[in-house]
Amino acid sequence: MFLSIGWDNVVRAKDVVAILEYDQAAKTVDPVRAENDEADDAAAKSIIVTTEGIYSSPLSVQTLKRRAAVSIPRMIEEENL
């Protein structure tokens, strides 16, 4: 399954390592390294760390958590079929 993280970016749900609040994560993760260069740092609310790269997102951590809660259980069900 895939997780839509905003700014026309989609990542594989199983590749997500962490979803962090932008204000806190920007202190340790360099936002310049984000894969989505068109992203507006002023509008970014979260940073998504995946096995493939780092992305910023205009969506809150809570919104992404809800989306992941729908995507990841579906992915597990499909793998068990």
PDB file of N, CA and C in Angstrom:
ATOM      1  N   MET A   1       0.837  -1.180   0.000  1.00  0.00           N
ATOM      2  CA  MET A   1       0.000   0.000   0.000  1.00  0.00           C
ATOM      3  C   MET A   1       0.886   1.249   0.000  1.00  0.00           C
ATOM      4  N   PHE A   2       0.270   2.330  -0.350  1.00  0.00           N
ATOM      5  CA  PHE A   2       0.988   3.583  -0.455  1.00  0.00           C
ATOM      6  C   PHE A   2       0.392   4.607   0.501  1.00  0.00           C
ATOM      7  N   LEU A   3       1.201   5.581   0.858  1.00  0.00           N
ATOM      8  CA  LEU A   3       0.794   6.637   1.770  1.00  0.00           C
ATOM      9  C   LEU A   3       1.009   7.973   1.078  1.00  0.00           C
ATOM     10  N   SER A   4      -0.079   8.726   0.884  1.00  0.00           N
ATOM     11  CA  SER A   4       0.013  10.050   0.284  1.00  0.00           C
ATOM     12  C   SER A   4       0.469  11.021   1.365  1.00  0.00           C
ATOM     13  N   ILE A   5       1.601  11.697   1.124  1.00  0.00           N
ATOM     14  CA  ILE A   5       2.171  12.569   2.151  1.00  0.00           C
ATOM     15  C   ILE A   5       2.072  14.051   1.788  1.00  0.00           C
ATOM     16  N   GLY A   6       1.324  14.357   0.743  1.00  0.00           N
ATOM     17  CA  GLY A   6       1.140  15.756   0.351  1.00  0.00           C
ATOM     18  C   GLY A   6       2.148  16.195  -0.692  1.00  0.00           C
ATOM     19  N   TRP A   7       1.918  17.380  -1.257  1.00  0.00           N
ATOM     20  CA  TRP A   7       2.747  17.938  -2.324  1.00  0.00           C
ATOM     21  C   TRP A   7       2.952  16.930  -3.446  1.00  0.00           C
ATOM     22  N   ASP A   8       1.905  16.197  -3.775  1.00  0.00           N
ATOM     23  CA  ASP A   8       1.930  15.214  -4.866  1.00  0.00           C
ATOM     24  C   ASP A   8       2.988  14.123  -4.680  1.00  0.00           C
ATOM     25  N   ASN A   9       3.296  13.792  -3.427  1.00  0.00           N
ATOM     26  CA  ASN A   9       4.249  12.724  -3.132  1.00  0.00           C
ATOM     27  C   ASN A   9       3.533  11.538  -2.510  1.00  0.00           C
ATOM     28  N   VAL A  10       3.955  10.355  -2.919  1.00  0.00           N
ATOM     29  CA  VAL A  10       3.412   9.118  -2.377  1.00  0.00           C
ATOM     30  C   VAL A  10       4.597   8.213  -2.059  1.00  0.00           C
ATOM     31  N   VAL A  11       4.567   7.595  -0.876  1.00  0.00           N
ATOM     32  CA  VAL A  11       5.628   6.669  -0.492  1.00  0.00           C
ATOM     33  C   VAL A  11       5.009   5.325  -0.145  1.00  0.00           C
ATOM     34  N   ARG A  12       5.806   4.277  -0.240  1.00  0.00           N
ATOM     35  CA  ARG A  12       5.327   2.948   0.154  1.00  0.00           C
ATOM     36  C   ARG A  12       5.198   2.922   1.669  1.00  0.00           C
ATOM     37  N   ALA A  13       4.070   2.466   2.162  1.00  0.00           N
ATOM     38  CA  ALA A  13       3.816   2.438   3.600  1.00  0.00           C
ATOM     39  C   ALA A  13       4.859   1.594   4.327  1.00  0.00           C
ATOM     40  N   LYS A  14       5.281   0.497   3.722  1.00  0.00           N
ATOM     41  CA  LYS A  14       6.237  -0.376   4.401  1.00  0.00           C
ATOM     42  C   LYS A  14       7.640   0.226   4.462  1.00  0.00           C
ATOM     43  N   ASP A  15       7.912   1.270   3.670  1.00  0.00           N
ATOM     44  CA  ASP A  15       9.221   1.916   3.677  1.00  0.00           C
ATOM     45  C   ASP A  15       9.329   3.050   4.692  1.00  0.00           C
ATOM     46  N   VAL A  16       8.207   3.427   5.323  1.00  0.00           N
ATOM     47  CA  VAL A  16       8.222   4.529   6.292  1.00  0.00           C
ATOM     48  C   VAL A  16       8.929   4.067   7.564  1.00  0.00           C
ATOM     49  N   VAL A  17       9.961   4.817   7.947  1.00  0.00           N
ATOM     50  CA  VAL A  17      10.719   4.527   9.156  1.00  0.00           C
ATOM     51  C   VAL A  17      10.208   5.382  10.309  1.00  0.00           C
ATOM     52  N   ALA A  18       9.953   6.673  10.029  1.00  0.00           N
ATOM     53  CA  ALA A  18       9.496   7.586  11.075  1.00  0.00           C
ATOM     54  C   ALA A  18       8.734   8.751  10.461  1.00  0.00           C
ATOM     55  N   ILE A  19       7.792   9.275  11.238  1.00  0.00           N
ATOM     56  CA  ILE A  19       7.077  10.502  10.895  1.00  0.00           C
ATOM     57  C   ILE A  19       7.281  11.442  12.072  1.00  0.00           C
ATOM     58  N   LEU A  20       7.925  12.570  11.817  1.00  0.00           N
ATOM     59  CA  LEU A  20       8.326  13.481  12.881  1.00  0.00           C
ATOM     60  C   LEU A  20       7.731  14.861  12.685  1.00  0.00           C
ATOM     61  N   GLU A  21       7.511  15.568  13.788  1.00  0.00           N
ATOM     62  CA  GLU A  21       7.053  16.950  13.700  1.00  0.00           C
ATOM     63  C   GLU A  21       8.177  17.790  13.112  1.00  0.00           C
ATOM     64  N   TYR A  22       7.831  18.660  12.180  1.00  0.00           N
ATOM     65  CA  TYR A  22       8.836  19.436  11.453  1.00  0.00           C
ATOM     66  C   TYR A  22       9.690  20.284  12.380  1.00  0.00           C
ATOM     67  N   ASP A  23       9.055  20.995  13.308  1.00  0.00           N
ATOM     68  CA  ASP A  23       9.805  21.893  14.189  1.00  0.00           C
ATOM     69  C   ASP A  23      10.861  21.150  14.994  1.00  0.00           C
ATOM     70  N   GLN A  24      10.521  19.981  15.476  1.00  0.00           N
ATOM     71  CA  GLN A  24      11.467  19.191  16.263  1.00  0.00           C
ATOM     72  C   GLN A  24      12.496  18.497  15.381  1.00  0.00           C
ATOM     73  N   ALA A  25      12.045  17.941  14.273  1.00  0.00           N
ATOM     74  CA  ALA A  25      12.934  17.167  13.398  1.00  0.00           C
ATOM     75  C   ALA A  25      13.923  18.065  12.662  1.00  0.00           C
ATOM     76  N   ALA A  26      13.539  19.289  12.368  1.00  0.00           N
ATOM     77  CA  ALA A  26      14.427  20.190  11.627  1.00  0.00           C
ATOM     78  C   ALA A  26      15.689  20.491  12.427  1.00  0.00           C
ATOM     79  N   LYS A  27      15.642  20.259  13.718  1.00  0.00           N
ATOM     80  CA  LYS A  27      16.825  20.473  14.552  1.00  0.00           C
ATOM     81  C   LYS A  27      17.859  19.366  14.350  1.00  0.00           C
ATOM     82  N   THR A  28      17.398  18.174  13.962  1.00  0.00           N
ATOM     83  CA  THR A  28      18.315  17.044  13.808  1.00  0.00           C
ATOM     84  C   THR A  28      18.420  16.539  12.371  1.00  0.00           C
ATOM     85  N   VAL A  29      17.355  16.689  11.587  1.00  0.00           N
ATOM     86  CA  VAL A  29      17.354  16.248  10.191  1.00  0.00           C
ATOM     87  C   VAL A  29      17.426  17.484   9.313  1.00  0.00           C
ATOM     88  N   ASP A  30      18.377  17.527   8.419  1.00  0.00           N
ATOM     89  CA  ASP A  30      18.546  18.686   7.551  1.00  0.00           C
ATOM     90  C   ASP A  30      17.432  18.727   6.509  1.00  0.00           C
ATOM     91  N   PRO A  31      16.504  19.688   6.613  1.00  0.00           N
ATOM     92  CA  PRO A  31      15.394  19.756   5.652  1.00  0.00           C
ATOM     93  C   PRO A  31      15.870  19.957   4.208  1.00  0.00           C
ATOM     94  N   VAL A  32      17.065  20.464   4.018  1.00  0.00           N
ATOM     95  CA  VAL A  32      17.589  20.663   2.678  1.00  0.00           C
ATOM     96  C   VAL A  32      17.781  19.312   1.989  1.00  0.00           C
ATOM     97  N   ARG A  33      17.957  18.260   2.760  1.00  0.00           N
ATOM     98  CA  ARG A  33      18.137  16.924   2.204  1.00  0.00           C
ATOM     99  C   ARG A  33      16.825  16.298   1.770  1.00  0.00           C
ATOM    100  N   ALA A  34      15.722  16.984   1.988  1.00  0.00           N
ATOM    101  CA  ALA A  34      14.416  16.438   1.621  1.00  0.00           C
ATOM    102  C   ALA A  34      14.366  16.171   0.124  1.00  0.00           C
ATOM    103  N   GLU A  35      13.737  15.073  -0.246  1.00  0.00           N
ATOM    104  CA  GLU A  35      13.660  14.647  -1.642  1.00  0.00           C
ATOM    105  C   GLU A  35      12.745  15.552  -2.473  1.00  0.00           C
ATOM    106  N   ASN A  36      11.746  16.136  -1.851  1.00  0.00           N
ATOM    107  CA  ASN A  36      10.780  16.960  -2.580  1.00  0.00           C
ATOM    108  C   ASN A  36      11.201  18.422  -2.506  1.00  0.00           C
ATOM    109  N   ASP A  37      12.019  18.837  -3.444  1.00  0.00           N
ATOM    110  CA  ASP A  37      12.590  20.179  -3.450  1.00  0.00           C
ATOM    111  C   ASP A  37      11.548  21.279  -3.623  1.00  0.00           C
ATOM    112  N   GLU A  38      10.404  20.948  -4.217  1.00  0.00           N
ATOM    113  CA  GLU A  38       9.382  21.973  -4.434  1.00  0.00           C
ATOM    114  C   GLU A  38       8.636  22.316  -3.143  1.00  0.00           C
ATOM    115  N   ALA A  39       8.897  21.547  -2.105  1.00  0.00           N
ATOM    116  CA  ALA A  39       8.207  21.757  -0.832  1.00  0.00           C
ATOM    117  C   ALA A  39       8.564  23.114  -0.241  1.00  0.00           C
ATOM    118  N   ASP A  40       7.589  23.726   0.377  1.00  0.00           N
ATOM    119  CA  ASP A  40       7.763  25.016   1.021  1.00  0.00           C
ATOM    120  C   ASP A  40       8.025  24.784   2.503  1.00  0.00           C
ATOM    121  N   ASP A  41       9.233  25.092   2.963  1.00  0.00           N
ATOM    122  CA  ASP A  41       9.584  24.848   4.361  1.00  0.00           C
ATOM    123  C   ASP A  41       8.673  25.592   5.327  1.00  0.00           C
ATOM    124  N   ALA A  42       8.169  26.761   4.922  1.00  0.00           N
ATOM    125  CA  ALA A  42       7.283  27.525   5.798  1.00  0.00           C
ATOM    126  C   ALA A  42       5.957  26.801   6.015  1.00  0.00           C
ATOM    127  N   ALA A  43       5.521  26.013   5.032  1.00  0.00           N
ATOM    128  CA  ALA A  43       4.251  25.299   5.136  1.00  0.00           C
ATOM    129  C   ALA A  43       4.424  23.871   5.648  1.00  0.00           C
ATOM    130  N   ALA A  44       5.657  23.415   5.798  1.00  0.00           N
ATOM    131  CA  ALA A  44       5.900  22.042   6.227  1.00  0.00           C
ATOM    132  C   ALA A  44       5.511  21.854   7.690  1.00  0.00           C
ATOM    133  N   LYS A  45       4.795  20.764   7.953  1.00  0.00           N
ATOM    134  CA  LYS A  45       4.375  20.446   9.312  1.00  0.00           C
ATOM    135  C   LYS A  45       5.015  19.159   9.824  1.00  0.00           C
ATOM    136  N   SER A  46       5.531  18.344   8.889  1.00  0.00           N
ATOM    137  CA  SER A  46       6.132  17.083   9.313  1.00  0.00           C
ATOM    138  C   SER A  46       7.233  16.656   8.356  1.00  0.00           C
ATOM    139  N   ILE A  47       8.046  15.742   8.839  1.00  0.00           N
ATOM    140  CA  ILE A  47       9.112  15.148   8.034  1.00  0.00           C
ATOM    141  C   ILE A  47       8.906  13.645   8.069  1.00  0.00           C
ATOM    142  N   ILE A  48       8.958  13.023   6.895  1.00  0.00           N
ATOM    143  CA  ILE A  48       8.781  11.583   6.784  1.00  0.00           C
ATOM    144  C   ILE A  48      10.127  10.989   6.392  1.00  0.00           C
ATOM    145  N   VAL A  49      10.617  10.074   7.213  1.00  0.00           N
ATOM    146  CA  VAL A  49      11.874   9.389   6.933  1.00  0.00           C
ATOM    147  C   VAL A  49      11.521   8.006   6.407  1.00  0.00           C
ATOM    148  N   THR A  50      12.012   7.686   5.219  1.00  0.00           N
ATOM    149  CA  THR A  50      11.766   6.371   4.634  1.00  0.00           C
ATOM    150  C   THR A  50      13.109   5.706   4.345  1.00  0.00           C
ATOM    151  N   THR A  51      13.050   4.458   3.939  1.00  0.00           N
ATOM    152  CA  THR A  51      14.274   3.754   3.574  1.00  0.00           C
ATOM    153  C   THR A  51      14.871   4.331   2.296  1.00  0.00           C
ATOM    154  N   GLU A  52      14.061   5.040   1.521  1.00  0.00           N
ATOM    155  CA  GLU A  52      14.495   5.625   0.254  1.00  0.00           C
ATOM    156  C   GLU A  52      14.967   7.068   0.374  1.00  0.00           C
ATOM    157  N   GLY A  53      14.505   7.814   1.394  1.00  0.00           N
ATOM    158  CA  GLY A  53      14.885   9.213   1.511  1.00  0.00           C
ATOM    159  C   GLY A  53      14.101   9.928   2.592  1.00  0.00           C
ATOM    160  N   ILE A  54      14.239  11.238   2.592  1.00  0.00           N
ATOM    161  CA  ILE A  54      13.581  12.093   3.579  1.00  0.00           C
ATOM    162  C   ILE A  54      12.662  13.049   2.821  1.00  0.00           C
ATOM    163  N   TYR A  55      11.427  13.199   3.308  1.00  0.00           N
ATOM    164  CA  TYR A  55      10.440  14.063   2.665  1.00  0.00           C
ATOM    165  C   TYR A  55       9.849  15.005   3.696  1.00  0.00           C
ATOM    166  N   SER A  56       9.535  16.225   3.277  1.00  0.00           N
ATOM    167  CA  SER A  56       8.760  17.121   4.129  1.00  0.00           C
ATOM    168  C   SER A  56       7.318  17.068   3.655  1.00  0.00           C
ATOM    169  N   SER A  57       6.401  17.427   4.553  1.00  0.00           N
ATOM    170  CA  SER A  57       4.981  17.326   4.223  1.00  0.00           C
ATOM    171  C   SER A  57       4.202  18.482   4.839  1.00  0.00           C
ATOM    172  N   PRO A  58       3.171  18.953   4.127  1.00  0.00           N
ATOM    173  CA  PRO A  58       2.312  19.992   4.691  1.00  0.00           C
ATOM    174  C   PRO A  58       1.267  19.407   5.641  1.00  0.00           C
ATOM    175  N   LEU A  59       1.219  18.086   5.751  1.00  0.00           N
ATOM    176  CA  LEU A  59       0.237  17.420   6.600  1.00  0.00           C
ATOM    177  C   LEU A  59       0.795  17.218   8.007  1.00  0.00           C
ATOM    178  N   SER A  60      -0.084  17.273   8.986  1.00  0.00           N
ATOM    179  CA  SER A  60       0.351  17.094  10.369  1.00  0.00           C
ATOM    180  C   SER A  60       0.681  15.626  10.637  1.00  0.00           C
ATOM    181  N   VAL A  61       1.420  15.408  11.702  1.00  0.00           N
ATOM    182  CA  VAL A  61       1.773  14.044  12.112  1.00  0.00           C
ATOM    183  C   VAL A  61       0.501  13.235  12.372  1.00  0.00           C
ATOM    184  N   GLN A  62      -0.502  13.853  13.001  1.00  0.00           N
ATOM    185  CA  GLN A  62      -1.749  13.150  13.301  1.00  0.00           C
ATOM    186  C   GLN A  62      -2.468  12.705  12.026  1.00  0.00           C
ATOM    187  N   THR A  63      -2.498  13.565  11.022  1.00  0.00           N
ATOM    188  CA  THR A  63      -3.145  13.209   9.753  1.00  0.00           C
ATOM    189  C   THR A  63      -2.417  12.053   9.087  1.00  0.00           C
ATOM    190  N   LEU A  64      -1.098  12.116   9.049  1.00  0.00           N
ATOM    191  CA  LEU A  64      -0.317  11.045   8.449  1.00  0.00           C
ATOM    192  C   LEU A  64      -0.471   9.744   9.236  1.00  0.00           C
ATOM    193  N   LYS A  65      -0.569   9.867  10.548  1.00  0.00           N
ATOM    194  CA  LYS A  65      -0.766   8.679  11.390  1.00  0.00           C
ATOM    195  C   LYS A  65      -2.105   8.016  11.060  1.00  0.00           C
ATOM    196  N   ARG A  66      -3.159   8.822  10.890  1.00  0.00           N
ATOM    197  CA  ARG A  66      -4.467   8.265  10.520  1.00  0.00           C
ATOM    198  C   ARG A  66      -4.408   7.594   9.157  1.00  0.00           C
ATOM    199  N   ARG A  67      -3.744   8.218   8.200  1.00  0.00           N
ATOM    200  CA  ARG A  67      -3.629   7.628   6.869  1.00  0.00           C
ATOM    201  C   ARG A  67      -2.841   6.317   6.925  1.00  0.00           C
ATOM    202  N   ALA A  68      -1.782   6.292   7.717  1.00  0.00           N
ATOM    203  CA  ALA A  68      -0.978   5.077   7.855  1.00  0.00           C
ATOM    204  C   ALA A  68      -1.765   3.982   8.554  1.00  0.00           C
ATOM    205  N   ALA A  69      -2.614   4.353   9.491  1.00  0.00           N
ATOM    206  CA  ALA A  69      -3.424   3.364  10.214  1.00  0.00           C
ATOM    207  C   ALA A  69      -4.377   2.651   9.268  1.00  0.00           C
ATOM    208  N   VAL A  70      -4.761   3.304   8.196  1.00  0.00           N
ATOM    209  CA  VAL A  70      -5.627   2.678   7.198  1.00  0.00           C
ATOM    210  C   VAL A  70      -4.784   1.869   6.217  1.00  0.00           C
ATOM    211  N   SER A  71      -3.646   2.388   5.794  1.00  0.00           N
ATOM    212  CA  SER A  71      -2.815   1.739   4.775  1.00  0.00           C
ATOM    213  C   SER A  71      -2.102   0.499   5.292  1.00  0.00           C
ATOM    214  N   ILE A  72      -1.503   0.587   6.457  1.00  0.00           N
ATOM    215  CA  ILE A  72      -0.671  -0.510   6.944  1.00  0.00           C
ATOM    216  C   ILE A  72      -1.477  -1.753   7.285  1.00  0.00           C
ATOM    217  N   PRO A  73      -2.625  -1.666   7.984  1.00  0.00           N
ATOM    218  CA  PRO A  73      -3.406  -2.893   8.206  1.00  0.00           C
ATOM    219  C   PRO A  73      -3.862  -3.546   6.906  1.00  0.00           C
ATOM    220  N   ARG A  74      -4.235  -2.745   5.905  1.00  0.00           N
ATOM    221  CA  ARG A  74      -4.620  -3.308   4.605  1.00  0.00           C
ATOM    222  C   ARG A  74      -3.456  -4.051   3.979  1.00  0.00           C
ATOM    223  N   MET A  75      -2.265  -3.466   4.098  1.00  0.00           N
ATOM    224  CA  MET A  75      -1.078  -4.087   3.533  1.00  0.00           C
ATOM    225  C   MET A  75      -0.821  -5.439   4.208  1.00  0.00           C
ATOM    226  N   ILE A  76      -0.987  -5.515   5.518  1.00  0.00           N
ATOM    227  CA  ILE A  76      -0.773  -6.758   6.256  1.00  0.00           C
ATOM    228  C   ILE A  76      -1.802  -7.800   5.835  1.00  0.00           C
ATOM    229  N   GLU A  77      -3.058  -7.396   5.698  1.00  0.00           N
ATOM    230  CA  GLU A  77      -4.109  -8.312   5.270  1.00  0.00           C
ATOM    231  C   GLU A  77      -3.815  -8.863   3.882  1.00  0.00           C
ATOM    232  N   GLU A  78      -3.367  -8.028   2.968  1.00  0.00           N
ATOM    233  CA  GLU A  78      -3.101  -8.460   1.607  1.00  0.00           C
ATOM    234  C   GLU A  78      -1.927  -9.436   1.557  1.00  0.00           C
ATOM    235  N   GLU A  79      -0.928  -9.247   2.402  1.00  0.00           N
ATOM    236  CA  GLU A  79       0.238 -10.128   2.428  1.00  0.00           C
ATOM    237  C   GLU A  79      -0.116 -11.490   3.017  1.00  0.00           C
ATOM    238  N   ASN A  80      -1.121 -11.541   3.891  1.00  0.00           N
ATOM    239  CA  ASN A  80      -1.513 -12.805   4.527  1.00  0.00           C
ATOM    240  C   ASN A  80      -2.463 -13.629   3.671  1.00  0.00           C
ATOM    241  N   LEU A  81      -2.943 -13.066   2.569  1.00  0.00           N
ATOM    242  CA  LEU A  81      -3.869 -13.814   1.711  1.00  0.00           C
ATOM    243  C   LEU A  81      -3.210 -14.928   0.983  1.00  0.00           C
TER     244      LEU A  81
END
